[in-house]
Amino acid sequence: MDKPYIRPIVRGKEVKAVEFGAKVNKLQIYGISFIEHLSFDNFNEGTRLKQTIYLAQSLFKAKTGILGADAIYATNANRNFVTANDIKTDFKRKGKKTKHHDHYRLMARIITKGVPVPMLFLDIY
């Protein structure tokens, strides 16, 4: 059966150079998954963090306080955004280790808990 909307997506992975089908950016809140963006075209998930946070806040009418995400989301723009909005993350810290390094590492471990997609924890406004 011919499906013209399914095109190859060229990826830079070791195992598969090309994938077929839709690419999805999803978020998970309290164990509930939501599709934030679905496309048959290639896109960078790391640039969609702001939209994901705004979607989560609009769905639950609450401010995002903690965010767990893959390293692809730890861009400078995203780091500036989460810092400006007082959102705690599990992003690997840049620069020299501070005296609070163990505290940050523990917090990141608690946030992550093996979650491979953006995981938002919301606080009531």
C-alpha atoms as a PDB file:
ATOM      1  CA  MET A   1       0.000   0.000   0.000  1.00  0.00           C
ATOM      2  CA  ASP A   2       1.421   3.382  -1.037  1.00  0.00           C
ATOM      3  CA  LYS A   3       1.692   5.999   1.747  1.00  0.00           C
ATOM      4  CA  PRO A   4       3.118   9.185   0.254  1.00  0.00           C
ATOM      5  CA  TYR A   5       3.147  10.966   3.617  1.00  0.00           C
ATOM      6  CA  ILE A   6       5.728   8.507   4.996  1.00  0.00           C
ATOM      7  CA  ARG A   7       9.162   9.656   3.916  1.00  0.00           C
ATOM      8  CA  PRO A   8      12.623   8.658   5.116  1.00  0.00           C
ATOM      9  CA  ILE A   9      14.097  10.745   7.953  1.00  0.00           C
ATOM     10  CA  VAL A  10      17.887  10.753   7.748  1.00  0.00           C
ATOM     11  CA  ARG A  11      19.387  10.388  11.217  1.00  0.00           C
ATOM     12  CA  GLY A  12      22.966  10.442  12.409  1.00  0.00           C
ATOM     13  CA  LYS A  13      22.700   7.273  14.461  1.00  0.00           C
ATOM     14  CA  GLU A  14      25.197   4.427  14.430  1.00  0.00           C
ATOM     15  CA  VAL A  15      22.675   1.620  14.099  1.00  0.00           C
ATOM     16  CA  LYS A  16      20.179   3.163  11.663  1.00  0.00           C
ATOM     17  CA  ALA A  17      21.072   5.895   9.179  1.00  0.00           C
ATOM     18  CA  VAL A  18      17.441   6.310   8.060  1.00  0.00           C
ATOM     19  CA  GLU A  19      14.123   5.964   9.878  1.00  0.00           C
ATOM     20  CA  PHE A  20      10.593   5.958   8.509  1.00  0.00           C
ATOM     21  CA  GLY A  21       7.377   7.285   9.962  1.00  0.00           C
ATOM     22  CA  ALA A  22       6.513  10.168  12.198  1.00  0.00           C
ATOM     23  CA  LYS A  23       8.860  11.818  14.652  1.00  0.00           C
ATOM     24  CA  VAL A  24       7.296  12.765  17.988  1.00  0.00           C
ATOM     25  CA  ASN A  25       8.183  15.157  20.789  1.00  0.00           C
ATOM     26  CA  LYS A  26       6.246  14.084  23.869  1.00  0.00           C
ATOM     27  CA  LEU A  27       6.064  15.192  27.456  1.00  0.00           C
ATOM     28  CA  GLN A  28       5.160  13.223  30.529  1.00  0.00           C
ATOM     29  CA  ILE A  29       3.494  14.689  33.584  1.00  0.00           C
ATOM     30  CA  TYR A  30       2.811  12.508  36.623  1.00  0.00           C
ATOM     31  CA  GLY A  31       3.054   9.416  34.411  1.00  0.00           C
ATOM     32  CA  ILE A  32       0.621  10.727  31.764  1.00  0.00           C
ATOM     33  CA  SER A  33       2.152  11.152  28.288  1.00  0.00           C
ATOM     34  CA  PHE A  34       1.133  13.918  25.869  1.00  0.00           C
ATOM     35  CA  ILE A  35       2.220  14.403  22.261  1.00  0.00           C
ATOM     36  CA  GLU A  36       3.537  17.958  22.016  1.00  0.00           C
ATOM     37  CA  HIS A  37       4.655  17.799  18.374  1.00  0.00           C
ATOM     38  CA  LEU A  38       4.185  15.185  15.639  1.00  0.00           C
ATOM     39  CA  SER A  39       5.816  15.513  12.224  1.00  0.00           C
ATOM     40  CA  PHE A  40       6.827  13.344   9.296  1.00  0.00           C
ATOM     41  CA  ASP A  41       9.655  15.832   8.663  1.00  0.00           C
ATOM     42  CA  ASN A  42      12.931  15.884  10.562  1.00  0.00           C
ATOM     43  CA  PHE A  43      13.106  18.345  13.493  1.00  0.00           C
ATOM     44  CA  ASN A  44      15.334  18.944  16.497  1.00  0.00           C
ATOM     45  CA  GLU A  45      13.548  18.123  19.738  1.00  0.00           C
ATOM     46  CA  GLY A  46      15.961  20.287  21.731  1.00  0.00           C
ATOM     47  CA  THR A  47      14.488  23.469  20.282  1.00  0.00           C
ATOM     48  CA  ARG A  48      10.963  22.610  21.469  1.00  0.00           C
ATOM     49  CA  LEU A  49      11.502  22.859  25.240  1.00  0.00           C
ATOM     50  CA  LYS A  50       9.767  26.240  25.633  1.00  0.00           C
ATOM     51  CA  GLN A  51       6.688  25.077  23.722  1.00  0.00           C
ATOM     52  CA  THR A  52       6.611  21.898  25.804  1.00  0.00           C
ATOM     53  CA  ILE A  53       6.704  23.824  29.080  1.00  0.00           C
ATOM     54  CA  TYR A  54       4.037  26.267  27.883  1.00  0.00           C
ATOM     55  CA  LEU A  55       1.809  23.343  26.832  1.00  0.00           C
ATOM     56  CA  ALA A  56       2.211  21.639  30.213  1.00  0.00           C
ATOM     57  CA  GLN A  57       1.407  24.847  32.092  1.00  0.00           C
ATOM     58  CA  SER A  58      -1.682  25.485  29.973  1.00  0.00           C
ATOM     59  CA  LEU A  59      -2.934  21.901  30.338  1.00  0.00           C
ATOM     60  CA  PHE A  60      -2.615  21.823  34.119  1.00  0.00           C
ATOM     61  CA  LYS A  61      -3.000  25.541  34.936  1.00  0.00           C
ATOM     62  CA  ALA A  62       0.140  25.290  37.067  1.00  0.00           C
ATOM     63  CA  LYS A  63       3.679  26.642  36.968  1.00  0.00           C
ATOM     64  CA  THR A  64       6.475  24.213  36.055  1.00  0.00           C
ATOM     65  CA  GLY A  65       8.931  23.886  38.936  1.00  0.00           C
ATOM     66  CA  ILE A  66      11.059  20.840  38.045  1.00  0.00           C
ATOM     67  CA  LEU A  67      12.089  19.488  34.647  1.00  0.00           C
ATOM     68  CA  GLY A  68      13.837  16.241  33.769  1.00  0.00           C
ATOM     69  CA  ALA A  69      15.025  15.806  30.177  1.00  0.00           C
ATOM     70  CA  ASP A  70      17.647  14.230  27.914  1.00  0.00           C
ATOM     71  CA  ALA A  71      20.966  15.979  27.335  1.00  0.00           C
ATOM     72  CA  ILE A  72      19.749  17.148  23.896  1.00  0.00           C
ATOM     73  CA  TYR A  73      17.556  19.713  25.692  1.00  0.00           C
ATOM     74  CA  ALA A  74      20.486  21.232  27.644  1.00  0.00           C
ATOM     75  CA  THR A  75      21.261  23.990  25.116  1.00  0.00           C
ATOM     76  CA  ASN A  76      22.372  27.441  26.238  1.00  0.00           C
ATOM     77  CA  ALA A  77      19.021  28.927  25.179  1.00  0.00           C
ATOM     78  CA  ASN A  78      17.099  26.316  27.201  1.00  0.00           C
ATOM     79  CA  ARG A  79      19.406  26.762  30.212  1.00  0.00           C
ATOM     80  CA  ASN A  80      18.774  30.525  30.142  1.00  0.00           C
ATOM     81  CA  PHE A  81      15.017  29.959  29.818  1.00  0.00           C
ATOM     82  CA  VAL A  82      14.748  27.557  32.768  1.00  0.00           C
ATOM     83  CA  THR A  83      16.984  29.768  34.930  1.00  0.00           C
ATOM     84  CA  ALA A  84      14.894  32.854  34.146  1.00  0.00           C
ATOM     85  CA  ASN A  85      11.709  30.936  35.028  1.00  0.00           C
ATOM     86  CA  ASP A  86      13.158  29.374  38.211  1.00  0.00           C
ATOM     87  CA  ILE A  87      12.786  25.798  36.944  1.00  0.00           C
ATOM     88  CA  LYS A  88      15.056  23.155  38.496  1.00  0.00           C
ATOM     89  CA  THR A  89      16.542  20.678  35.995  1.00  0.00           C
ATOM     90  CA  ASP A  90      18.694  17.577  35.826  1.00  0.00           C
ATOM     91  CA  PHE A  91      20.950  19.136  33.167  1.00  0.00           C
ATOM     92  CA  LYS A  92      24.643  18.406  33.607  1.00  0.00           C
ATOM     93  CA  ARG A  93      26.255  21.525  35.069  1.00  0.00           C
ATOM     94  CA  LYS A  94      28.764  23.528  33.043  1.00  0.00           C
ATOM     95  CA  GLY A  95      32.040  24.909  34.315  1.00  0.00           C
ATOM     96  CA  LYS A  96      34.041  24.117  37.422  1.00  0.00           C
ATOM     97  CA  LYS A  97      32.619  22.107  40.280  1.00  0.00           C
ATOM     98  CA  THR A  98      31.306  24.268  43.101  1.00  0.00           C
ATOM     99  CA  LYS A  99      31.102  23.452  46.791  1.00  0.00           C
ATOM    100  CA  HIS A 100      27.458  22.496  46.122  1.00  0.00           C
ATOM    101  CA  HIS A 101      28.365  19.954  43.422  1.00  0.00           C
ATOM    102  CA  ASP A 102      27.212  16.943  45.469  1.00  0.00           C
ATOM    103  CA  HIS A 103      23.887  18.645  46.184  1.00  0.00           C
ATOM    104  CA  TYR A 104      23.283  19.362  42.456  1.00  0.00           C
ATOM    105  CA  ARG A 105      24.267  15.806  41.532  1.00  0.00           C
ATOM    106  CA  LEU A 106      21.855  14.367  44.101  1.00  0.00           C
ATOM    107  CA  MET A 107      19.040  16.642  42.913  1.00  0.00           C
ATOM    108  CA  ALA A 108      19.682  15.650  39.275  1.00  0.00           C
ATOM    109  CA  ARG A 109      19.608  11.952  40.227  1.00  0.00           C
ATOM    110  CA  ILE A 110      16.292  12.414  42.036  1.00  0.00           C
ATOM    111  CA  ILE A 111      14.786  14.323  39.097  1.00  0.00           C
ATOM    112  CA  THR A 112      15.992  11.904  36.434  1.00  0.00           C
ATOM    113  CA  LYS A 113      15.120   8.456  37.821  1.00  0.00           C
ATOM    114  CA  GLY A 114      15.633   7.040  34.325  1.00  0.00           C
ATOM    115  CA  VAL A 115      13.124   9.264  32.512  1.00  0.00           C
ATOM    116  CA  PRO A 116      14.184   9.560  28.825  1.00  0.00           C
ATOM    117  CA  VAL A 117      11.641  12.249  27.803  1.00  0.00           C
ATOM    118  CA  PRO A 118      10.859  15.691  29.161  1.00  0.00           C
ATOM    119  CA  MET A 119       9.179  15.159  32.503  1.00  0.00           C
ATOM    120  CA  LEU A 120       7.558  18.153  34.069  1.00  0.00           C
ATOM    121  CA  PHE A 121       6.490  18.496  37.668  1.00  0.00           C
ATOM    122  CA  LEU A 122       4.055  21.298  38.231  1.00  0.00           C
ATOM    123  CA  ASP A 123       3.452  23.567  41.211  1.00  0.00           C
ATOM    124  CA  ILE A 124       0.118  25.272  41.739  1.00  0.00           C
ATOM    125  CA  TYR A 125       0.253  29.016  40.937  1.00  0.00           C
END
